[in-house]
Amino acid sequence: MSTHRLVEDLVFRLAIIAAGRANTLADSARSTKSAHMEWREQETIRMYEENFDASELRGKRIVDFGCGDTKFCEYAASRGAITAVGMDISARAIGELSARNSYPNVFYKLALPGKIPLDPQSVDTIVCLAAMEHIMEWREIISEWGRILVPGGKVCIWWMVWWHPYGHHQYAEIPVPWLHVLLDDAAIFRIASRVYDSPRCKTRHWHLDADGNRRRNPYLGLTKFGNLNRLTSWQFERAVQDNGLVVLRREPQPFRRSGFKLIGKILASTPRLCDFFSSAFVYELQKPSHV
């Protein structure tokens, strides 16, 4: 057996061991679609309130870029935003949010690859929470942010960078950190496929079809992540600078687990290494007022 296959087998065994542990809050939240949506919406608001000033939403024209199926726009409207526009490339998410929306100053629009269908200098604040890693045309979108922002306008970002321990985004099936450092995409999907077919795999709501039956293995035949852009903090900051935006705040956040706080804080503040040892990155960008 090759070394790569041995590593894959070891990771699979670790994932199965982890699957036998007691459910966490996040595990419970993933059991049904409604529970997952409620958890995601609570997490999105918590994410914003812990890292940004909610009072700055008042009197502003807000865009929630990469809104997914969360209702941050309704939250922004309740906090006094003049208008709030949620944008995502998922037609399903935009349709469902539009159908549930009861705010007259909240709107949802389908985003286009690399384009934002809004007028120049029509937005005061852009919020991008847990979505930056999924923006495949990130260079074009950063340029578009600069176009639609008013002078002095801001972008608020919370983001798991590619080299985050779980940047591979397969933590539901394979809760093994830095897996994507050791293995290529195809190997990760082979492991996820084995875990999915294991009787010890926890059933998530996205595993079930409309009738409640378990779907066919979704990882079979996959060889490459199609929705992760592999963006690093230094690539991002270079693109921000190239498009004339200013970084007002850059905050790599260390992990909070006891016993790891001190070394985590040191590693999270070390250039380049911070991408590997931060739980998230928080950025505030601004379009210069003189533009």
Protein backbone atom coordinates (compact mmCIF):
# COMPACT_ATOMS: atom_id res chain seq x y z
CA MET A 1 0.00 0.00 0.00
CA SER A 2 1.36 3.46 -0.94
CA THR A 3 2.15 6.13 1.63
CA HIS A 4 -0.75 8.27 0.39
CA ARG A 5 -3.19 5.38 0.80
CA LEU A 6 -1.87 4.74 4.31
CA VAL A 7 -2.45 8.40 5.20
CA GLU A 8 -5.96 8.25 3.73
CA ASP A 9 -6.74 5.14 5.76
CA LEU A 10 -5.43 6.77 8.96
CA VAL A 11 -7.50 9.92 8.37
CA PHE A 12 -10.60 7.78 7.69
CA ARG A 13 -10.10 5.95 11.00
CA LEU A 14 -9.66 9.25 12.86
CA ALA A 15 -12.85 10.57 11.29
CA ILE A 16 -14.79 7.46 12.33
CA ILE A 17 -13.48 7.77 15.90
CA ALA A 18 -14.59 11.42 15.97
CA ALA A 19 -18.01 10.37 14.64
CA GLY A 20 -18.54 8.27 17.76
CA ARG A 21 -18.21 11.23 20.10
CA ALA A 22 -21.20 12.96 21.70
CA ASN A 23 -23.03 15.49 19.57
CA THR A 24 -22.00 19.10 19.86
CA LEU A 25 -24.42 22.00 19.50
CA ALA A 26 -23.35 22.35 15.87
CA ASP A 27 -23.98 18.63 15.28
CA SER A 28 -27.52 18.98 16.60
CA ALA A 29 -28.06 22.06 14.47
CA ARG A 30 -27.15 20.11 11.35
CA SER A 31 -29.74 17.39 11.97
CA THR A 32 -32.67 19.23 10.32
CA LYS A 33 -32.85 22.02 7.76
CA SER A 34 -34.87 24.31 10.03
CA ALA A 35 -32.51 23.79 12.97
CA HIS A 36 -29.51 24.38 10.73
CA MET A 37 -30.99 27.60 9.31
CA GLU A 38 -31.81 28.89 12.79
CA TRP A 39 -28.29 28.09 14.00
CA ARG A 40 -26.70 29.75 10.94
CA GLU A 41 -28.75 32.91 11.39
CA GLN A 42 -27.84 33.13 15.07
CA GLU A 43 -24.18 32.51 14.26
CA THR A 44 -24.19 35.18 11.53
CA ILE A 45 -25.58 37.83 13.88
CA ARG A 46 -23.21 36.76 16.68
CA MET A 47 -20.31 36.90 14.24
CA TYR A 48 -21.23 40.46 13.28
CA GLU A 49 -21.98 41.77 16.76
CA GLU A 50 -18.80 40.34 18.28
CA ASN A 51 -16.59 41.91 15.63
CA PHE A 52 -18.31 45.06 14.36
CA ASP A 53 -20.38 47.96 15.69
CA ALA A 54 -24.07 47.29 15.01
CA SER A 55 -24.90 50.96 15.61
CA GLU A 56 -23.08 51.77 12.36
CA LEU A 57 -25.88 50.09 10.41
CA ARG A 58 -28.28 52.90 11.28
CA GLY A 59 -28.96 55.29 8.42
CA LYS A 60 -26.84 53.26 5.98
CA ARG A 61 -27.45 51.50 2.68
CA ILE A 62 -26.24 47.96 3.35
CA VAL A 63 -25.28 45.07 1.08
CA ASP A 64 -24.93 41.59 2.55
CA PHE A 65 -22.65 40.03 -0.05
CA GLY A 66 -22.77 36.23 -0.10
CA CYS A 67 -25.84 36.20 2.13
CA GLY A 68 -26.61 32.53 1.51
CA ASP A 69 -29.90 31.64 3.18
CA THR A 70 -29.40 33.83 6.28
CA LYS A 71 -31.52 36.87 7.11
CA PHE A 72 -28.83 39.39 8.07
CA CYS A 73 -30.60 42.00 5.93
CA GLU A 74 -33.69 41.80 8.15
CA TYR A 75 -31.40 42.22 11.16
CA ALA A 76 -29.79 45.28 9.54
CA ALA A 77 -33.22 46.77 8.81
CA SER A 78 -34.25 46.24 12.44
CA ARG A 79 -31.10 48.15 13.43
CA GLY A 80 -32.06 51.17 11.37
CA ALA A 81 -30.53 50.56 7.95
CA ILE A 82 -32.15 52.67 5.22
CA THR A 83 -32.03 49.75 2.81
CA ALA A 84 -30.46 46.30 2.94
CA VAL A 85 -29.76 44.20 -0.14
CA GLY A 86 -28.83 40.53 0.16
CA MET A 87 -26.83 39.12 -2.74
CA ASP A 88 -25.87 35.54 -3.54
CA ILE A 89 -25.22 33.35 -6.57
CA SER A 90 -27.75 30.79 -5.31
CA ALA A 91 -31.09 31.36 -7.05
CA ARG A 92 -32.71 28.97 -4.56
CA ALA A 93 -31.50 30.98 -1.54
CA ILE A 94 -32.50 34.32 -3.07
CA GLY A 95 -35.95 32.95 -3.98
CA GLU A 96 -36.58 31.56 -0.48
CA LEU A 97 -35.37 34.74 1.25
CA SER A 98 -37.51 36.91 -1.01
CA ALA A 99 -40.58 34.78 -0.26
CA ARG A 100 -40.03 35.04 3.52
CA ASN A 101 -39.11 38.73 3.61
CA SER A 102 -41.57 41.09 5.31
CA TYR A 103 -39.46 44.29 5.35
CA PRO A 104 -40.27 46.91 2.68
CA ASN A 105 -36.68 48.20 2.69
CA VAL A 106 -35.05 44.76 2.32
CA PHE A 107 -34.35 43.34 -1.13
CA TYR A 108 -32.64 40.26 -2.51
CA LYS A 109 -30.76 40.10 -5.78
CA LEU A 110 -29.05 37.30 -7.65
CA ALA A 111 -25.34 38.01 -7.91
CA LEU A 112 -23.51 37.40 -11.18
CA PRO A 113 -20.01 35.88 -11.46
CA GLY A 114 -17.59 38.77 -11.05
CA LYS A 115 -20.33 41.40 -11.29
CA ILE A 116 -22.56 43.24 -8.80
CA PRO A 117 -25.79 44.57 -10.37
CA LEU A 118 -25.83 47.86 -8.42
CA ASP A 119 -25.12 51.45 -9.44
CA PRO A 120 -21.75 53.13 -8.79
CA GLN A 121 -21.43 54.80 -5.37
CA SER A 122 -24.81 53.49 -4.21
CA VAL A 123 -23.74 51.58 -1.07
CA ASP A 124 -22.48 52.77 2.32
CA THR A 125 -21.48 49.43 3.88
CA ILE A 126 -20.83 45.96 2.50
CA VAL A 127 -20.97 43.02 4.88
CA CYS A 128 -19.35 39.72 3.88
CA LEU A 129 -19.65 37.10 6.62
CA ALA A 130 -18.30 33.55 6.20
CA ALA A 131 -18.48 33.92 2.43
CA MET A 132 -15.13 35.28 1.19
CA GLU A 133 -13.67 31.80 0.65
CA HIS A 134 -16.53 30.96 -1.73
CA ILE A 135 -16.13 33.98 -4.04
CA MET A 136 -14.41 32.41 -7.03
CA GLU A 137 -13.98 35.68 -8.97
CA TRP A 138 -12.57 37.44 -5.91
CA ARG A 139 -10.33 39.88 -7.79
CA GLU A 140 -13.25 41.14 -9.86
CA ILE A 141 -15.55 41.33 -6.85
CA ILE A 142 -13.07 43.37 -4.79
CA SER A 143 -12.92 45.78 -7.74
CA GLU A 144 -16.73 45.85 -7.82
CA TRP A 145 -16.84 46.64 -4.11
CA GLY A 146 -14.75 49.72 -4.82
CA ARG A 147 -17.09 50.72 -7.64
CA ILE A 148 -20.38 50.52 -5.71
CA LEU A 149 -19.12 52.03 -2.44
CA VAL A 150 -19.51 55.72 -1.75
CA PRO A 151 -16.28 57.55 -0.81
CA GLY A 152 -15.70 56.70 2.84
CA GLY A 153 -17.80 53.54 2.54
CA LYS A 154 -16.71 50.36 4.31
CA VAL A 155 -16.49 46.59 3.84
CA CYS A 156 -16.84 44.39 6.95
CA ILE A 157 -15.45 40.87 6.51
CA TRP A 158 -15.33 37.75 8.69
CA TRP A 159 -13.52 34.98 6.89
CA MET A 160 -11.96 31.51 7.24
CA VAL A 161 -8.90 31.67 4.98
CA TRP A 162 -7.77 28.69 2.92
CA TRP A 163 -5.02 27.56 5.30
CA HIS A 164 -7.37 27.62 8.30
CA PRO A 165 -7.19 24.17 9.99
CA TYR A 166 -10.59 23.36 8.53
CA GLY A 167 -10.24 25.40 5.36
CA HIS A 168 -11.14 22.25 3.43
CA HIS A 169 -14.73 22.69 4.72
CA GLN A 170 -15.26 18.94 5.12
CA TYR A 171 -15.31 19.13 8.93
CA ALA A 172 -18.82 17.64 9.16
CA GLU A 173 -17.58 14.35 7.67
CA ILE A 174 -13.81 14.63 8.36
CA PRO A 175 -13.08 16.66 11.52
CA VAL A 176 -9.31 16.47 10.97
CA PRO A 177 -7.35 19.76 10.89
CA TRP A 178 -5.01 20.78 8.04
CA LEU A 179 -6.14 17.82 5.97
CA HIS A 180 -5.77 19.92 2.81
CA VAL A 181 -2.11 20.56 3.63
CA LEU A 182 -1.36 16.83 3.52
CA LEU A 183 -3.72 15.58 0.80
CA ASP A 184 -5.06 16.74 -2.54
CA ASP A 185 -8.76 17.33 -3.22
CA ALA A 186 -9.37 13.93 -4.76
CA ALA A 187 -7.98 12.14 -1.68
CA ILE A 188 -10.16 14.23 0.64
CA PHE A 189 -13.25 13.35 -1.39
CA ARG A 190 -12.32 9.65 -1.33
CA ILE A 191 -12.17 9.79 2.48
CA ALA A 192 -15.43 11.75 2.69
CA SER A 193 -17.05 9.13 0.47
CA ARG A 194 -15.92 6.32 2.77
CA VAL A 195 -17.16 8.19 5.84
CA TYR A 196 -20.52 8.90 4.19
CA ASP A 197 -21.04 5.19 3.52
CA SER A 198 -20.03 4.21 7.05
CA PRO A 199 -22.89 3.24 9.41
CA ARG A 200 -21.28 5.56 11.99
CA CYS A 201 -21.68 8.63 9.79
CA LYS A 202 -24.06 11.13 11.42
CA THR A 203 -26.98 12.02 9.19
CA ARG A 204 -27.19 15.73 8.31
CA HIS A 205 -30.20 17.33 6.71
CA TRP A 206 -28.34 17.80 3.41
CA HIS A 207 -27.89 14.01 3.24
CA LEU A 208 -31.67 13.57 2.81
CA ASP A 209 -33.90 14.11 -0.19
CA ALA A 210 -37.36 15.73 -0.11
CA ASP A 211 -38.91 12.42 1.00
CA GLY A 212 -36.47 11.98 3.88
CA ASN A 213 -34.46 9.24 2.19
CA ARG A 214 -30.68 9.25 2.31
CA ARG A 215 -29.21 10.58 -0.92
CA ARG A 216 -26.73 8.74 -3.11
CA ASN A 217 -23.14 9.33 -1.95
CA PRO A 218 -22.46 12.95 -3.05
CA TYR A 219 -18.66 12.57 -2.94
CA LEU A 220 -18.35 9.75 -5.46
CA GLY A 221 -16.27 10.78 -8.46
CA LEU A 222 -15.39 14.26 -7.15
CA THR A 223 -11.77 15.29 -7.65
CA LYS A 224 -11.62 19.05 -7.04
CA PHE A 225 -13.28 21.62 -4.78
CA GLY A 226 -15.50 23.74 -6.99
CA ASN A 227 -16.61 26.30 -4.40
CA LEU A 228 -13.39 27.12 -2.51
CA ASN A 229 -11.06 29.75 -3.94
CA ARG A 230 -7.92 28.89 -1.91
CA LEU A 231 -7.49 32.58 -1.13
CA THR A 232 -4.80 33.58 1.39
CA SER A 233 -4.66 36.73 3.47
CA TRP A 234 -1.65 38.09 1.59
CA GLN A 235 -3.29 37.54 -1.82
CA PHE A 236 -6.42 39.26 -0.54
CA GLU A 237 -4.56 42.26 0.84
CA ARG A 238 -2.61 42.71 -2.40
CA ALA A 239 -5.90 42.77 -4.37
CA VAL A 240 -7.41 45.25 -1.89
CA GLN A 241 -4.44 47.57 -2.35
CA ASP A 242 -4.48 47.18 -6.13
CA ASN A 243 -8.11 48.32 -6.19
CA GLY A 244 -7.54 51.45 -4.13
CA LEU A 245 -9.20 50.29 -0.92
CA VAL A 246 -7.59 50.84 2.48
CA VAL A 247 -7.31 48.24 5.27
CA LEU A 248 -8.59 49.97 8.41
CA ARG A 249 -8.45 46.84 10.55
CA ARG A 250 -6.82 43.46 10.11
CA GLU A 251 -7.41 41.02 12.94
CA PRO A 252 -6.31 37.37 12.77
CA GLN A 253 -8.25 35.80 15.64
CA PRO A 254 -6.52 33.09 17.69
CA PHE A 255 -8.24 29.93 18.83
CA ARG A 256 -9.89 30.25 22.23
CA ARG A 257 -9.40 26.77 23.61
CA SER A 258 -7.74 26.69 27.01
CA GLY A 259 -4.16 25.45 26.89
CA PHE A 260 -3.74 26.84 23.39
CA LYS A 261 -4.48 30.50 24.03
CA LEU A 262 -0.93 31.82 24.55
CA ILE A 263 0.80 29.92 21.75
CA GLY A 264 -2.26 30.46 19.54
CA LYS A 265 -2.07 34.20 20.08
CA ILE A 266 1.62 34.21 19.13
CA LEU A 267 1.11 32.09 16.02
CA ALA A 268 -1.94 34.10 14.95
CA SER A 269 0.13 37.28 15.00
CA THR A 270 3.04 35.84 13.00
CA PRO A 271 3.13 36.84 9.30
CA ARG A 272 2.17 34.01 6.91
CA LEU A 273 1.83 31.53 9.78
CA CYS A 274 -1.26 33.42 10.93
CA ASP A 275 -3.25 31.90 8.05
CA PHE A 276 -2.59 28.43 9.47
CA PHE A 277 -3.22 29.24 13.13
CA SER A 278 -6.14 31.68 13.16
CA SER A 279 -9.76 30.75 13.82
CA ALA A 280 -10.84 33.57 11.50
CA PHE A 281 -9.74 36.85 9.94
CA VAL A 282 -11.65 40.07 10.52
CA TYR A 283 -11.14 42.95 8.10
CA GLU A 284 -12.55 46.44 7.80
CA LEU A 285 -11.83 48.05 4.46
CA GLN A 286 -12.60 51.59 3.40
CA LYS A 287 -12.86 53.45 0.13
CA PRO A 288 -10.87 56.69 0.54
CA SER A 289 -13.01 59.79 0.99
CA HIS A 290 -11.12 61.75 -1.66
CA VAL A 291 -12.08 59.36 -4.47
